[in-house]
Amino acid sequence: MAVAIKLSDALVNDARLYAKAQHRTPPKQIEHWAKLGKMAEENPDLPFNFIQEVMLSHGEAEQGQLEPYKFG
């Protein structure tokens, strides 16, 4: 469900800048930041880079970019 919300001009301008660099739309950039922030709050003991890698792994799995792990 999409909902219209008011955001500060500063946040939207930052989102535009980062969105362009990350090949996202500004709304998708803000969603990305929100997901990162939520995961960080829910897992305060995890390093930020680990959280980013988890998000990347989930994206790869959703796109079928998985390889079987080979033991030994």
PDB file of N, CA and C in Angstrom:
ATOM      1  N   MET A   1       0.844  -1.171   0.000  1.00  0.00           N
ATOM      2  CA  MET A   1       0.000   0.000   0.000  1.00  0.00           C
ATOM      3  C   MET A   1       0.891   1.236   0.000  1.00  0.00           C
ATOM      4  N   ALA A   2       0.747   2.060  -0.971  1.00  0.00           N
ATOM      5  CA  ALA A   2       1.508   3.304  -1.061  1.00  0.00           C
ATOM      6  C   ALA A   2       0.805   4.380  -0.248  1.00  0.00           C
ATOM      7  N   VAL A   3       1.616   5.163   0.461  1.00  0.00           N
ATOM      8  CA  VAL A   3       1.085   6.238   1.284  1.00  0.00           C
ATOM      9  C   VAL A   3       1.913   7.489   1.023  1.00  0.00           C
ATOM     10  N   ALA A   4       1.254   8.615   0.861  1.00  0.00           N
ATOM     11  CA  ALA A   4       1.956   9.883   0.677  1.00  0.00           C
ATOM     12  C   ALA A   4       2.358  10.423   2.047  1.00  0.00           C
ATOM     13  N   ILE A   5       3.628  10.802   2.185  1.00  0.00           N
ATOM     14  CA  ILE A   5       4.100  11.387   3.436  1.00  0.00           C
ATOM     15  C   ILE A   5       4.906  12.640   3.120  1.00  0.00           C
ATOM     16  N   LYS A   6       4.988  13.537   4.093  1.00  0.00           N
ATOM     17  CA  LYS A   6       5.778  14.754   3.912  1.00  0.00           C
ATOM     18  C   LYS A   6       7.189  14.502   4.421  1.00  0.00           C
ATOM     19  N   LEU A   7       8.162  14.871   3.624  1.00  0.00           N
ATOM     20  CA  LEU A   7       9.569  14.731   3.980  1.00  0.00           C
ATOM     21  C   LEU A   7      10.243  16.087   3.820  1.00  0.00           C
ATOM     22  N   SER A   8      11.304  16.289   4.576  1.00  0.00           N
ATOM     23  CA  SER A   8      12.014  17.563   4.468  1.00  0.00           C
ATOM     24  C   SER A   8      12.689  17.677   3.104  1.00  0.00           C
ATOM     25  N   ASP A   9      12.841  18.915   2.657  1.00  0.00           N
ATOM     26  CA  ASP A   9      13.530  19.152   1.385  1.00  0.00           C
ATOM     27  C   ASP A   9      14.963  18.634   1.437  1.00  0.00           C
ATOM     28  N   ALA A  10      15.601  18.772   2.590  1.00  0.00           N
ATOM     29  CA  ALA A  10      16.993  18.313   2.732  1.00  0.00           C
ATOM     30  C   ALA A  10      17.093  16.797   2.530  1.00  0.00           C
ATOM     31  N   LEU A  11      16.160  16.052   3.120  1.00  0.00           N
ATOM     32  CA  LEU A  11      16.186  14.589   2.960  1.00  0.00           C
ATOM     33  C   LEU A  11      15.945  14.203   1.508  1.00  0.00           C
ATOM     34  N   VAL A  12      14.987  14.831   0.878  1.00  0.00           N
ATOM     35  CA  VAL A  12      14.671  14.509  -0.522  1.00  0.00           C
ATOM     36  C   VAL A  12      15.848  14.865  -1.431  1.00  0.00           C
ATOM     37  N   ASN A  13      16.491  15.994  -1.176  1.00  0.00           N
ATOM     38  CA  ASN A  13      17.653  16.376  -1.988  1.00  0.00           C
ATOM     39  C   ASN A  13      18.810  15.390  -1.789  1.00  0.00           C
ATOM     40  N   ASP A  14      19.048  14.969  -0.537  1.00  0.00           N
ATOM     41  CA  ASP A  14      20.077  13.950  -0.292  1.00  0.00           C
ATOM     42  C   ASP A  14      19.726  12.651  -1.002  1.00  0.00           C
ATOM     43  N   ALA A  15      18.452  12.282  -0.936  1.00  0.00           N
ATOM     44  CA  ALA A  15      18.011  11.040  -1.590  1.00  0.00           C
ATOM     45  C   ALA A  15      18.230  11.120  -3.096  1.00  0.00           C
ATOM     46  N   ARG A  16      17.977  12.264  -3.689  1.00  0.00           N
ATOM     47  CA  ARG A  16      18.202  12.420  -5.138  1.00  0.00           C
ATOM     48  C   ARG A  16      19.671  12.191  -5.484  1.00  0.00           C
ATOM     49  N   LEU A  17      20.551  12.784  -4.681  1.00  0.00           N
ATOM     50  CA  LEU A  17      21.986  12.643  -4.918  1.00  0.00           C
ATOM     51  C   LEU A  17      22.431  11.187  -4.812  1.00  0.00           C
ATOM     52  N   TYR A  18      22.069  10.536  -3.710  1.00  0.00           N
ATOM     53  CA  TYR A  18      22.463   9.143  -3.514  1.00  0.00           C
ATOM     54  C   TYR A  18      21.761   8.220  -4.507  1.00  0.00           C
ATOM     55  N   ALA A  19      20.511   8.514  -4.814  1.00  0.00           N
ATOM     56  CA  ALA A  19      19.755   7.679  -5.743  1.00  0.00           C
ATOM     57  C   ALA A  19      20.426   7.646  -7.110  1.00  0.00           C
ATOM     58  N   LYS A  20      20.877   8.801  -7.560  1.00  0.00           N
ATOM     59  CA  LYS A  20      21.533   8.859  -8.866  1.00  0.00           C
ATOM     60  C   LYS A  20      22.801   8.015  -8.856  1.00  0.00           C
ATOM     61  N   ALA A  21      23.574   8.110  -7.790  1.00  0.00           N
ATOM     62  CA  ALA A  21      24.815   7.348  -7.693  1.00  0.00           C
ATOM     63  C   ALA A  21      24.564   5.846  -7.573  1.00  0.00           C
ATOM     64  N   GLN A  22      23.436   5.477  -6.968  1.00  0.00           N
ATOM     65  CA  GLN A  22      23.122   4.059  -6.743  1.00  0.00           C
ATOM     66  C   GLN A  22      22.149   3.495  -7.785  1.00  0.00           C
ATOM     67  N   HIS A  23      21.807   4.291  -8.788  1.00  0.00           N
ATOM     68  CA  HIS A  23      20.890   3.870  -9.861  1.00  0.00           C
ATOM     69  C   HIS A  23      19.522   3.461  -9.303  1.00  0.00           C
ATOM     70  N   ARG A  24      19.023   4.300  -8.392  1.00  0.00           N
ATOM     71  CA  ARG A  24      17.691   4.101  -7.825  1.00  0.00           C
ATOM     72  C   ARG A  24      16.887   5.377  -8.046  1.00  0.00           C
ATOM     73  N   THR A  25      15.591   5.277  -7.826  1.00  0.00           N
ATOM     74  CA  THR A  25      14.766   6.483  -7.785  1.00  0.00           C
ATOM     75  C   THR A  25      14.881   7.064  -6.375  1.00  0.00           C
ATOM     76  N   PRO A  26      14.615   8.359  -6.210  1.00  0.00           N
ATOM     77  CA  PRO A  26      14.661   8.912  -4.848  1.00  0.00           C
ATOM     78  C   PRO A  26      13.748   8.178  -3.850  1.00  0.00           C
ATOM     79  N   PRO A  27      12.509   7.820  -4.218  1.00  0.00           N
ATOM     80  CA  PRO A  27      11.693   7.068  -3.254  1.00  0.00           C
ATOM     81  C   PRO A  27      12.312   5.709  -2.895  1.00  0.00           C
ATOM     82  N   LYS A  28      12.900   5.025  -3.871  1.00  0.00           N
ATOM     83  CA  LYS A  28      13.542   3.738  -3.587  1.00  0.00           C
ATOM     84  C   LYS A  28      14.767   3.926  -2.704  1.00  0.00           C
ATOM     85  N   GLN A  29      15.476   5.049  -2.869  1.00  0.00           N
ATOM     86  CA  GLN A  29      16.632   5.333  -2.019  1.00  0.00           C
ATOM     87  C   GLN A  29      16.185   5.522  -0.573  1.00  0.00           C
ATOM     88  N   ILE A  30      15.092   6.249  -0.379  1.00  0.00           N
ATOM     89  CA  ILE A  30      14.576   6.463   0.968  1.00  0.00           C
ATOM     90  C   ILE A  30      14.103   5.142   1.570  1.00  0.00           C
ATOM     91  N   GLU A  31      13.469   4.280   0.774  1.00  0.00           N
ATOM     92  CA  GLU A  31      13.083   2.949   1.256  1.00  0.00           C
ATOM     93  C   GLU A  31      14.309   2.155   1.675  1.00  0.00           C
ATOM     94  N   HIS A  32      15.369   2.238   0.872  1.00  0.00           N
ATOM     95  CA  HIS A  32      16.614   1.543   1.180  1.00  0.00           C
ATOM     96  C   HIS A  32      17.164   2.009   2.523  1.00  0.00           C
ATOM     97  N   TRP A  33      17.230   3.328   2.713  1.00  0.00           N
ATOM     98  CA  TRP A  33      17.707   3.870   3.987  1.00  0.00           C
ATOM     99  C   TRP A  33      16.832   3.410   5.145  1.00  0.00           C
ATOM    100  N   ALA A  34      15.530   3.377   4.932  1.00  0.00           N
ATOM    101  CA  ALA A  34      14.614   2.952   5.990  1.00  0.00           C
ATOM    102  C   ALA A  34      14.856   1.489   6.359  1.00  0.00           C
ATOM    103  N   LYS A  35      15.063   0.633   5.358  1.00  0.00           N
ATOM    104  CA  LYS A  35      15.335  -0.785   5.633  1.00  0.00           C
ATOM    105  C   LYS A  35      16.642  -0.951   6.405  1.00  0.00           C
ATOM    106  N   LEU A  36      17.674  -0.217   5.976  1.00  0.00           N
ATOM    107  CA  LEU A  36      18.961  -0.283   6.680  1.00  0.00           C
ATOM    108  C   LEU A  36      18.804   0.173   8.130  1.00  0.00           C
ATOM    109  N   GLY A  37      18.125   1.275   8.322  1.00  0.00           N
ATOM    110  CA  GLY A  37      17.919   1.798   9.668  1.00  0.00           C
ATOM    111  C   GLY A  37      17.137   0.847  10.544  1.00  0.00           C
ATOM    112  N   LYS A  38      16.107   0.235   9.983  1.00  0.00           N
ATOM    113  CA  LYS A  38      15.294  -0.725  10.739  1.00  0.00           C
ATOM    114  C   LYS A  38      16.131  -1.926  11.138  1.00  0.00           C
ATOM    115  N   MET A  39      16.904  -2.458  10.202  1.00  0.00           N
ATOM    116  CA  MET A  39      17.748  -3.610  10.513  1.00  0.00           C
ATOM    117  C   MET A  39      18.798  -3.247  11.558  1.00  0.00           C
ATOM    118  N   ALA A  40      19.367  -2.050  11.465  1.00  0.00           N
ATOM    119  CA  ALA A  40      20.377  -1.623  12.431  1.00  0.00           C
ATOM    120  C   ALA A  40      19.771  -1.488  13.829  1.00  0.00           C
ATOM    121  N   GLU A  41      18.567  -0.952  13.918  1.00  0.00           N
ATOM    122  CA  GLU A  41      17.916  -0.821  15.223  1.00  0.00           C
ATOM    123  C   GLU A  41      17.544  -2.178  15.808  1.00  0.00           C
ATOM    124  N   GLU A  42      17.125  -3.105  14.946  1.00  0.00           N
ATOM    125  CA  GLU A  42      16.740  -4.433  15.415  1.00  0.00           C
ATOM    126  C   GLU A  42      17.950  -5.299  15.771  1.00  0.00           C
ATOM    127  N   ASN A  43      19.123  -4.936  15.269  1.00  0.00           N
ATOM    128  CA  ASN A  43      20.342  -5.716  15.479  1.00  0.00           C
ATOM    129  C   ASN A  43      21.493  -4.788  15.863  1.00  0.00           C
ATOM    130  N   PRO A  44      21.428  -4.166  17.034  1.00  0.00           N
ATOM    131  CA  PRO A  44      22.427  -3.158  17.394  1.00  0.00           C
ATOM    132  C   PRO A  44      23.851  -3.696  17.529  1.00  0.00           C
ATOM    133  N   ASP A  45      24.012  -5.000  17.693  1.00  0.00           N
ATOM    134  CA  ASP A  45      25.351  -5.568  17.857  1.00  0.00           C
ATOM    135  C   ASP A  45      26.030  -5.897  16.534  1.00  0.00           C
ATOM    136  N   LEU A  46      25.295  -5.800  15.423  1.00  0.00           N
ATOM    137  CA  LEU A  46      25.877  -6.135  14.126  1.00  0.00           C
ATOM    138  C   LEU A  46      26.534  -4.913  13.497  1.00  0.00           C
ATOM    139  N   PRO A  47      27.707  -5.101  12.904  1.00  0.00           N
ATOM    140  CA  PRO A  47      28.343  -3.984  12.189  1.00  0.00           C
ATOM    141  C   PRO A  47      27.522  -3.587  10.963  1.00  0.00           C
ATOM    142  N   PHE A  48      27.585  -2.306  10.632  1.00  0.00           N
ATOM    143  CA  PHE A  48      26.826  -1.780   9.494  1.00  0.00           C
ATOM    144  C   PHE A  48      27.161  -2.523   8.206  1.00  0.00           C
ATOM    145  N   ASN A  49      28.444  -2.797   7.956  1.00  0.00           N
ATOM    146  CA  ASN A  49      28.835  -3.493   6.725  1.00  0.00           C
ATOM    147  C   ASN A  49      28.232  -4.886   6.651  1.00  0.00           C
ATOM    148  N   PHE A  50      28.093  -5.556   7.785  1.00  0.00           N
ATOM    149  CA  PHE A  50      27.466  -6.879   7.805  1.00  0.00           C
ATOM    150  C   PHE A  50      26.004  -6.771   7.388  1.00  0.00           C
ATOM    151  N   ILE A  51      25.323  -5.751   7.897  1.00  0.00           N
ATOM    152  CA  ILE A  51      23.914  -5.546   7.541  1.00  0.00           C
ATOM    153  C   ILE A  51      23.782  -5.290   6.038  1.00  0.00           C
ATOM    154  N   GLN A  52      24.683  -4.483   5.476  1.00  0.00           N
ATOM    155  CA  GLN A  52      24.654  -4.233   4.029  1.00  0.00           C
ATOM    156  C   GLN A  52      24.865  -5.528   3.250  1.00  0.00           C
ATOM    157  N   GLU A  53      25.787  -6.358   3.690  1.00  0.00           N
ATOM    158  CA  GLU A  53      26.056  -7.629   3.008  1.00  0.00           C
ATOM    159  C   GLU A  53      24.854  -8.573   3.091  1.00  0.00           C
ATOM    160  N   VAL A  54      24.158  -8.560   4.213  1.00  0.00           N
ATOM    161  CA  VAL A  54      22.950  -9.380   4.347  1.00  0.00           C
ATOM    162  C   VAL A  54      21.902  -8.924   3.352  1.00  0.00           C
ATOM    163  N   MET A  55      21.717  -7.610   3.233  1.00  0.00           N
ATOM    164  CA  MET A  55      20.742  -7.084   2.270  1.00  0.00           C
ATOM    165  C   MET A  55      21.135  -7.463   0.842  1.00  0.00           C
ATOM    166  N   LEU A  56      22.412  -7.371   0.527  1.00  0.00           N
ATOM    167  CA  LEU A  56      22.892  -7.751  -0.801  1.00  0.00           C
ATOM    168  C   LEU A  56      22.640  -9.241  -1.054  1.00  0.00           C
ATOM    169  N   SER A  57      22.895 -10.066  -0.053  1.00  0.00           N
ATOM    170  CA  SER A  57      22.679 -11.508  -0.190  1.00  0.00           C
ATOM    171  C   SER A  57      21.218 -11.832  -0.462  1.00  0.00           C
ATOM    172  N   HIS A  58      20.327 -11.140   0.242  1.00  0.00           N
ATOM    173  CA  HIS A  58      18.894 -11.364   0.004  1.00  0.00           C
ATOM    174  C   HIS A  58      18.513 -10.969  -1.416  1.00  0.00           C
ATOM    175  N   GLY A  59      19.060  -9.872  -1.906  1.00  0.00           N
ATOM    176  CA  GLY A  59      18.784  -9.440  -3.275  1.00  0.00           C
ATOM    177  C   GLY A  59      19.296 -10.447  -4.289  1.00  0.00           C
ATOM    178  N   GLU A  60      20.486 -10.983  -4.055  1.00  0.00           N
ATOM    179  CA  GLU A  60      21.033 -12.008  -4.955  1.00  0.00           C
ATOM    180  C   GLU A  60      20.172 -13.259  -4.943  1.00  0.00           C
ATOM    181  N   ALA A  61      19.700 -13.652  -3.772  1.00  0.00           N
ATOM    182  CA  ALA A  61      18.844 -14.834  -3.672  1.00  0.00           C
ATOM    183  C   ALA A  61      17.530 -14.624  -4.414  1.00  0.00           C
ATOM    184  N   GLU A  62      16.952 -13.434  -4.285  1.00  0.00           N
ATOM    185  CA  GLU A  62      15.697 -13.134  -4.980  1.00  0.00           C
ATOM    186  C   GLU A  62      15.860 -13.186  -6.493  1.00  0.00           C
ATOM    187  N   GLN A  63      17.070 -12.884  -6.990  1.00  0.00           N
ATOM    188  CA  GLN A  63      17.331 -12.901  -8.429  1.00  0.00           C
ATOM    189  C   GLN A  63      17.872 -14.251  -8.894  1.00  0.00           C
ATOM    190  N   GLY A  64      17.938 -15.216  -8.000  1.00  0.00           N
ATOM    191  CA  GLY A  64      18.398 -16.547  -8.374  1.00  0.00           C
ATOM    192  C   GLY A  64      19.899 -16.650  -8.576  1.00  0.00           C
ATOM    193  N   GLN A  65      20.643 -15.728  -8.022  1.00  0.00           N
ATOM    194  CA  GLN A  65      22.104 -15.741  -8.167  1.00  0.00           C
ATOM    195  C   GLN A  65      22.741 -16.493  -7.000  1.00  0.00           C
ATOM    196  N   LEU A  66      22.422 -17.764  -6.909  1.00  0.00           N
ATOM    197  CA  LEU A  66      22.938 -18.594  -5.827  1.00  0.00           C
ATOM    198  C   LEU A  66      23.880 -19.646  -6.372  1.00  0.00           C
ATOM    199  N   GLU A  67      24.863 -19.993  -5.586  1.00  0.00           N
ATOM    200  CA  GLU A  67      25.770 -21.072  -5.936  1.00  0.00           C
ATOM    201  C   GLU A  67      25.824 -22.048  -4.767  1.00  0.00           C
ATOM    202  N   PRO A  68      25.827 -23.347  -5.043  1.00  0.00           N
ATOM    203  CA  PRO A  68      25.901 -24.295  -3.933  1.00  0.00           C
ATOM    204  C   PRO A  68      27.258 -24.180  -3.225  1.00  0.00           C
ATOM    205  N   TYR A  69      27.210 -24.295  -1.919  1.00  0.00           N
ATOM    206  CA  TYR A  69      28.448 -24.248  -1.140  1.00  0.00           C
ATOM    207  C   TYR A  69      29.138 -25.610  -1.236  1.00  0.00           C
ATOM    208  N   LYS A  70      30.439 -25.587  -1.510  1.00  0.00           N
ATOM    209  CA  LYS A  70      31.196 -26.820  -1.608  1.00  0.00           C
ATOM    210  C   LYS A  70      32.068 -26.974  -0.373  1.00  0.00           C
ATOM    211  N   PHE A  71      31.803 -28.002   0.401  1.00  0.00           N
ATOM    212  CA  PHE A  71      32.583 -28.273   1.598  1.00  0.00           C
ATOM    213  C   PHE A  71      33.935 -28.850   1.217  1.00  0.00           C
ATOM    214  N   GLY A  72      34.972 -28.438   1.955  1.00  0.00           N
ATOM    215  CA  GLY A  72      36.301 -29.004   1.794  1.00  0.00           C
ATOM    216  C   GLY A  72      36.924 -28.642   0.557  1.00  0.00           C
TER     217      GLY A  72
END
